[in-house]
Protein backbone atom coordinates (compact mmCIF):
# COMPACT_ATOMS: atom_id res chain seq x y z
CA MET A 1 -3.83 4.83 19.19
CA GLN A 2 -6.25 2.78 17.68
CA ALA A 3 -7.38 5.99 15.42
CA LEU A 4 -4.04 6.57 14.25
CA LEU A 5 -3.37 2.80 13.85
CA LEU A 6 -6.24 3.13 11.60
CA TRP A 7 -6.02 6.07 9.28
CA ILE A 8 -2.24 4.93 8.78
CA GLY A 9 -3.53 1.15 7.55
CA ARG A 10 -6.06 3.56 5.48
CA LEU A 11 -3.78 5.55 3.86
CA ALA A 12 -0.84 3.00 2.96
CA GLY A 13 -3.50 0.57 1.60
CA LEU A 14 -4.79 3.59 -0.34
CA ILE A 15 -1.05 4.43 -1.34
CA GLY A 16 -0.47 1.15 -2.47
CA VAL A 17 -3.08 0.34 -4.38
CA ILE A 18 -2.47 3.48 -6.60
CA VAL A 19 0.71 2.90 -6.92
CA CYS A 20 0.35 -0.88 -7.71
CA ALA A 21 -2.09 0.15 -10.39
CA GLY A 22 -0.19 2.84 -11.71
CA ALA A 23 3.18 0.42 -12.26
CA SER A 24 0.13 -2.34 -14.15
CA PHE A 25 -0.91 0.09 -15.88
CA VAL A 26 2.29 1.23 -17.39
CA ARG A 27 3.93 -2.39 -17.78
CA LEU A 28 0.35 -3.14 -20.23
CA SER A 29 1.58 0.04 -22.38
CA GLY A 30 4.06 -1.35 -23.17
CA SER A 31 6.80 0.20 -20.89
CA TRP A 32 9.32 -0.92 -18.31
CA SER A 33 9.53 1.89 -16.28
CA ILE A 34 8.31 4.85 -14.87
CA GLY A 35 10.79 7.62 -15.39
CA SER A 36 14.06 6.15 -13.74
CA PHE A 37 12.26 3.19 -11.39
CA GLN A 38 11.96 -0.20 -13.07
CA VAL A 39 7.86 -1.39 -12.94
CA GLY A 40 8.88 -4.34 -11.09
CA THR A 41 10.23 -2.37 -8.16
CA MET A 42 7.01 0.12 -7.86
CA LEU A 43 5.01 -2.78 -7.53
CA GLN A 44 7.49 -4.38 -5.28
CA ALA A 45 7.10 -0.64 -3.47
CA GLY A 46 3.11 -0.82 -3.65
CA THR A 47 3.11 -4.10 -2.32
CA ALA A 48 4.75 -3.23 0.57
CA ALA A 49 2.68 -0.39 1.66
CA MET A 50 -0.53 -2.57 1.15
CA VAL A 51 1.26 -4.89 3.57
CA LEU A 52 1.63 -2.35 5.68
CA GLY A 53 -1.78 -0.73 5.81
CA CYS A 54 -2.95 -4.55 6.87
CA LEU A 55 -0.60 -4.87 9.79
CA ALA A 56 -1.79 -1.37 10.93
CA TYR A 57 -4.98 -2.11 10.44
CA CYS A 58 -4.63 -5.27 12.23
CA ALA A 59 -2.98 -3.83 15.01
CA SER A 60 -5.82 -1.68 15.55
CA LEU A 61 -8.37 -4.37 15.72
CA VAL A 62 -6.17 -5.95 18.40
CA GLU A 63 -6.06 -2.02 20.39
CA ARG A 64 -9.70 -2.13 20.68
CA SER A 65 -11.44 -2.72 24.19
CA LYS A 66 -13.75 -5.36 24.68
CA THR A 67 -16.05 -3.15 26.54
C-alpha cells in the first residue's frame, strides 16, 4: 500500500505541475482558453492534482513502519 501511495503522489504531482505550467504558458502568451477550457480552470485542476499528490505522499509517510 505504501508503494502505491508513493507512486500516486509522484504521478499526481507531476501531472499537476505540467498542467499548471501549461496553463501559465498559455496565459502569458495572451490567450484565455485552451480549446474549450478556460485557463483558470486548468490552473485549478493542476493545483488540485498537486494537492492530491501531497496528500498521497503524506499518507505514504504515515504508513511507514518504525522498524
